């Protein structure tokens, strides 16, 4: 038996569509039953953004249907959510290439740190990484300032709206918004998810500052010893910043 939704006899024009690559913004064509495609521009492998496993909770044929899919694909549902958040961030910032690049760089470091540190929730980490500066647009419009205090005020409402559109779990939305609301100002006690995001953002900010005012190896060692909240973050910073110093 074939699920009617996957039977091409029932398809219409909307079942062949174009999705935006979360990595470079290039258009990628999907057929409805494609599980994933590779971006021809940057090579990023993208899961079908319209894929939905919701029917598996009640369909009597779910085991047969999901059983035909590669296990690694089913395990990558978190990657699909991550890509959707990245696309939402890109659309919100529009032509602001600088802010998009910063968010993408922070997300890349956050993913590396999160996977090595292991104690955190990677879905929370990645959502926070892509959206941590999402309040800067309204901060500049309302206050003519990109000051952290205004980002902390304006960021959570925008992040909440974007994540709600993606049907993110309420618990995830709450934690991501909490992280964004003080991501420049650590509290006395913080979650691992916050620490990973903080370290990833610090790495990117340090790299951006280095290009304006290079610092020495000695200065780097002092920063690595005192500024990072995770061991994995300090290690990631060393790898990244030593490349700039060389």
Protein backbone atom coordinates (compact mmCIF):
# COMPACT_ATOMS: atom_id res chain seq x y z
CA UNK A 1 0.00 0.00 0.00
CA UNK A 2 1.29 3.48 -0.90
CA UNK A 3 0.36 6.52 1.15
CA UNK A 4 -1.92 8.70 -1.07
CA UNK A 5 0.10 11.74 -0.10
CA UNK A 6 3.18 10.13 -1.63
CA UNK A 7 1.43 8.79 -4.75
CA UNK A 8 2.26 11.07 -7.71
CA UNK A 9 -1.19 10.44 -9.23
CA UNK A 10 -2.60 12.75 -6.55
CA UNK A 11 0.02 15.48 -6.92
CA UNK A 12 -0.54 19.04 -8.11
CA UNK A 13 1.70 21.96 -9.04
CA UNK A 14 2.62 22.64 -5.42
CA UNK A 15 4.20 19.21 -5.03
CA UNK A 16 7.26 20.29 -7.02
CA UNK A 17 8.73 23.29 -5.26
CA UNK A 18 11.86 25.29 -4.62
CA UNK A 19 13.41 25.64 -1.17
CA UNK A 20 16.07 28.05 0.00
CA UNK A 21 19.46 26.64 0.98
CA UNK A 22 20.02 27.57 4.65
CA UNK A 23 23.76 27.78 4.04
CA UNK A 24 23.99 30.10 1.01
CA UNK A 25 20.41 31.13 0.15
CA UNK A 26 20.47 29.50 -3.31
CA UNK A 27 17.26 27.91 -4.61
CA UNK A 28 17.06 24.09 -4.50
CA UNK A 29 14.33 22.19 -6.37
CA UNK A 30 12.45 19.42 -4.57
CA UNK A 31 9.88 16.88 -5.64
CA UNK A 32 7.44 16.15 -2.85
CA UNK A 33 8.82 12.66 -2.22
CA UNK A 34 12.49 13.71 -2.23
CA UNK A 35 13.91 13.10 1.23
CA UNK A 36 16.90 15.36 0.63
CA UNK A 37 18.75 17.27 -2.08
CA UNK A 38 22.21 18.76 -2.47
CA UNK A 39 22.61 22.47 -3.14
CA UNK A 40 24.30 22.88 -6.51
CA UNK A 41 25.93 26.13 -5.42
CA UNK A 42 27.55 25.28 -2.06
CA UNK A 43 27.11 21.51 -1.75
CA UNK A 44 25.11 21.66 1.51
CA UNK A 45 22.80 18.64 1.86
CA UNK A 46 19.26 19.75 2.69
CA UNK A 47 16.39 17.71 4.08
CA UNK A 48 13.02 18.24 2.43
CA UNK A 49 11.56 21.22 4.38
CA UNK A 50 8.00 19.96 3.82
CA UNK A 51 8.74 16.53 5.27
CA UNK A 52 6.42 15.80 8.17
CA UNK A 53 6.46 12.68 10.34
CA UNK A 54 3.35 13.73 12.24
CA UNK A 55 1.18 11.03 10.66
CA UNK A 56 3.43 8.37 12.19
CA UNK A 57 1.77 8.92 15.56
CA UNK A 58 -1.53 7.51 14.36
CA UNK A 59 -1.11 5.85 10.94
CA UNK A 60 -1.36 2.01 11.08
CA UNK A 61 1.15 1.78 8.24
CA UNK A 62 3.74 4.04 9.90
CA UNK A 63 6.19 1.24 10.58
CA UNK A 64 6.17 0.21 6.91
CA UNK A 65 6.47 3.80 5.70
CA UNK A 66 9.26 4.93 8.00
CA UNK A 67 10.96 1.60 7.71
CA UNK A 68 11.62 2.31 4.04
CA UNK A 69 13.58 5.45 4.89
CA UNK A 70 17.28 5.42 5.79
CA UNK A 71 17.68 5.36 9.60
CA UNK A 72 20.21 8.18 9.41
CA UNK A 73 17.60 10.35 7.68
CA UNK A 74 14.99 9.74 10.38
CA UNK A 75 17.65 10.59 12.97
CA UNK A 76 18.29 13.91 11.24
CA UNK A 77 14.92 15.48 11.94
CA UNK A 78 16.81 17.90 14.19
CA UNK A 79 18.85 18.99 11.19
CA UNK A 80 15.63 19.82 9.36
CA UNK A 81 14.56 22.09 12.22
CA UNK A 82 18.00 23.69 12.29
CA UNK A 83 17.80 24.46 8.57
CA UNK A 84 14.35 25.97 8.96
CA UNK A 85 15.59 28.30 11.69
CA UNK A 86 18.54 29.32 9.50
CA UNK A 87 16.20 30.14 6.62
CA UNK A 88 13.89 32.13 8.91
CA UNK A 89 16.89 34.13 10.14
CA UNK A 90 18.05 34.82 6.57
CA UNK A 91 14.62 36.00 5.52
CA UNK A 92 14.28 38.26 8.55
CA UNK A 93 17.63 39.97 7.96
CA UNK A 94 16.98 40.19 4.21
CA UNK A 95 19.86 41.95 2.46
CA UNK A 96 21.88 42.45 5.65
CA UNK A 97 24.74 40.15 4.63
CA UNK A 98 26.91 41.15 7.58
CA UNK A 99 24.36 40.05 10.19
CA UNK A 100 23.57 36.86 8.29
CA UNK A 101 27.25 35.93 8.09
CA UNK A 102 27.74 36.60 11.79
CA UNK A 103 24.81 34.35 12.70
CA UNK A 104 26.00 31.60 10.36
CA UNK A 105 29.53 31.77 11.79
CA UNK A 106 28.26 31.64 15.37
CA UNK A 107 26.03 28.69 14.51
CA UNK A 108 28.95 26.79 12.95
CA UNK A 109 31.09 27.25 16.07
CA UNK A 110 28.14 26.49 18.37
CA UNK A 111 27.51 23.21 16.58
CA UNK A 112 31.16 22.20 16.87
CA UNK A 113 31.32 23.11 20.56
CA UNK A 114 27.94 21.53 21.35
CA UNK A 115 28.85 18.23 19.75
CA UNK A 116 32.12 18.07 21.65
CA UNK A 117 30.72 19.28 24.98
CA UNK A 118 27.75 16.88 24.69
CA UNK A 119 25.84 17.92 27.83
CA UNK A 120 23.65 20.46 26.03
CA UNK A 121 20.59 20.23 23.79
CA UNK A 122 21.81 20.84 20.24
CA UNK A 123 18.39 21.95 18.97
CA UNK A 124 18.24 24.70 21.61
CA UNK A 125 21.87 25.63 20.96
CA UNK A 126 21.43 25.93 17.21
CA UNK A 127 18.18 27.89 17.42
CA UNK A 128 19.78 30.30 19.89
CA UNK A 129 22.89 30.60 17.72
CA UNK A 130 20.98 31.54 14.57
CA UNK A 131 18.68 33.94 16.43
CA UNK A 132 20.89 35.39 19.19
CA UNK A 133 21.22 38.81 17.47
CA UNK A 134 17.74 38.82 15.95
CA UNK A 135 16.77 41.87 18.06
CA UNK A 136 19.43 44.11 16.56
CA UNK A 137 17.20 45.18 13.66
CA UNK A 138 14.45 46.56 15.89
CA UNK A 139 17.03 47.95 18.33
CA UNK A 140 18.48 50.11 15.58
CA UNK A 141 15.05 51.14 14.32
CA UNK A 142 13.65 52.06 17.75
CA UNK A 143 16.72 53.30 19.62
CA UNK A 144 19.21 53.99 16.82
CA UNK A 145 21.55 51.69 18.70
CA UNK A 146 22.84 48.12 18.53
CA UNK A 147 23.68 48.14 22.24
CA UNK A 148 23.36 44.73 23.93
CA UNK A 149 20.73 46.04 26.38
CA UNK A 150 18.41 46.90 23.50
CA UNK A 151 19.12 43.62 21.71
CA UNK A 152 18.17 41.81 24.91
CA UNK A 153 14.82 43.64 24.97
CA UNK A 154 13.94 43.38 21.28
CA UNK A 155 15.31 39.91 20.50
CA UNK A 156 12.99 37.56 22.43
CA UNK A 157 9.67 38.76 20.90
CA UNK A 158 11.04 38.36 17.36
CA UNK A 159 12.57 34.96 18.14
CA UNK A 160 9.32 33.78 19.73
CA UNK A 161 7.34 34.75 16.65
CA UNK A 162 9.75 33.07 14.23
CA UNK A 163 9.93 29.87 16.28
CA UNK A 164 6.15 29.78 16.70
CA UNK A 165 5.80 29.87 12.91
CA UNK A 166 8.08 26.83 12.79
CA UNK A 167 5.89 25.07 15.39
CA UNK A 168 8.83 24.66 17.77
CA UNK A 169 8.07 23.08 21.17
CA UNK A 170 7.08 25.62 23.81
CA UNK A 171 9.89 24.56 26.15
CA UNK A 172 12.46 25.16 23.42
CA UNK A 173 10.99 28.56 22.57
CA UNK A 174 11.10 29.63 26.21
CA UNK A 175 14.71 28.59 26.70
CA UNK A 176 15.92 30.13 23.44
CA UNK A 177 14.19 33.41 24.27
CA UNK A 178 15.70 33.39 27.76
CA UNK A 179 19.19 32.88 26.30
CA UNK A 180 18.68 35.70 23.79
CA UNK A 181 17.41 38.03 26.54
CA UNK A 182 20.83 38.10 28.23
CA UNK A 183 23.27 36.47 25.82
CA UNK A 184 25.89 39.17 26.34
CA UNK A 185 25.57 39.04 30.15
CA UNK A 186 26.06 35.64 31.81
CA UNK A 187 24.32 35.06 35.14
CA UNK A 188 26.03 33.44 38.11
CA UNK A 189 24.66 30.05 37.07
CA UNK A 190 24.03 29.17 33.45
CA UNK A 191 22.89 26.15 31.45
CA UNK A 192 25.25 24.35 29.13
CA UNK A 193 23.14 25.59 26.22
CA UNK A 194 23.83 29.20 27.20
CA UNK A 195 27.54 28.53 27.75
CA UNK A 196 27.96 26.99 24.30
CA UNK A 197 26.20 29.92 22.60
CA UNK A 198 28.19 32.45 24.63
CA UNK A 199 31.51 30.86 23.69
CA UNK A 200 30.59 30.57 20.00
CA UNK A 201 29.55 34.23 19.87
CA UNK A 202 32.76 35.25 21.66
CA UNK A 203 34.89 33.39 19.11
CA UNK A 204 33.26 35.19 16.19
CA UNK A 205 33.41 38.58 17.90
CA UNK A 206 37.09 38.08 18.72
CA UNK A 207 37.86 37.07 15.14
CA UNK A 208 36.05 40.15 13.83
CA UNK A 209 37.95 42.41 16.23
CA UNK A 210 41.25 40.74 15.38
CA UNK A 211 40.92 41.81 11.78
CA UNK A 212 40.70 45.43 12.98
CA UNK A 213 43.33 45.21 15.74
CA UNK A 214 45.47 42.04 15.79
CA UNK A 215 46.57 40.74 19.18
CA UNK A 216 49.63 38.72 20.12
CA UNK A 217 49.91 35.06 21.08
CA UNK A 218 50.39 36.13 24.71
CA UNK A 219 47.19 38.15 24.67
CA UNK A 220 45.35 35.21 23.13
CA UNK A 221 46.53 32.88 25.89
CA UNK A 222 45.22 35.25 28.56
CA UNK A 223 41.83 35.41 26.84
CA UNK A 224 41.60 31.65 26.44
CA UNK A 225 42.41 31.14 30.11
CA UNK A 226 39.80 33.52 31.48
CA UNK A 227 37.01 34.34 29.04
CA UNK A 228 35.42 31.07 27.93
CA UNK A 229 32.73 29.15 29.76
CA UNK A 230 33.45 25.67 28.35
CA UNK A 231 36.59 23.66 27.66
CA UNK A 232 35.32 22.86 24.18
CA UNK A 233 34.74 26.56 23.54
CA UNK A 234 38.30 27.45 24.52
CA UNK A 235 39.59 24.68 22.27
CA UNK A 236 37.48 25.85 19.35
CA UNK A 237 38.68 29.41 19.93
CA UNK A 238 42.30 28.33 19.91
CA UNK A 239 41.90 26.53 16.59
CA UNK A 240 40.08 29.46 15.05
CA UNK A 241 42.17 32.35 16.32
CA UNK A 242 45.57 30.77 15.94
CA UNK A 243 44.87 30.54 12.21
CA UNK A 244 44.42 34.33 12.14
CA UNK A 245 47.59 35.01 14.12
CA UNK A 246 49.78 32.86 11.88
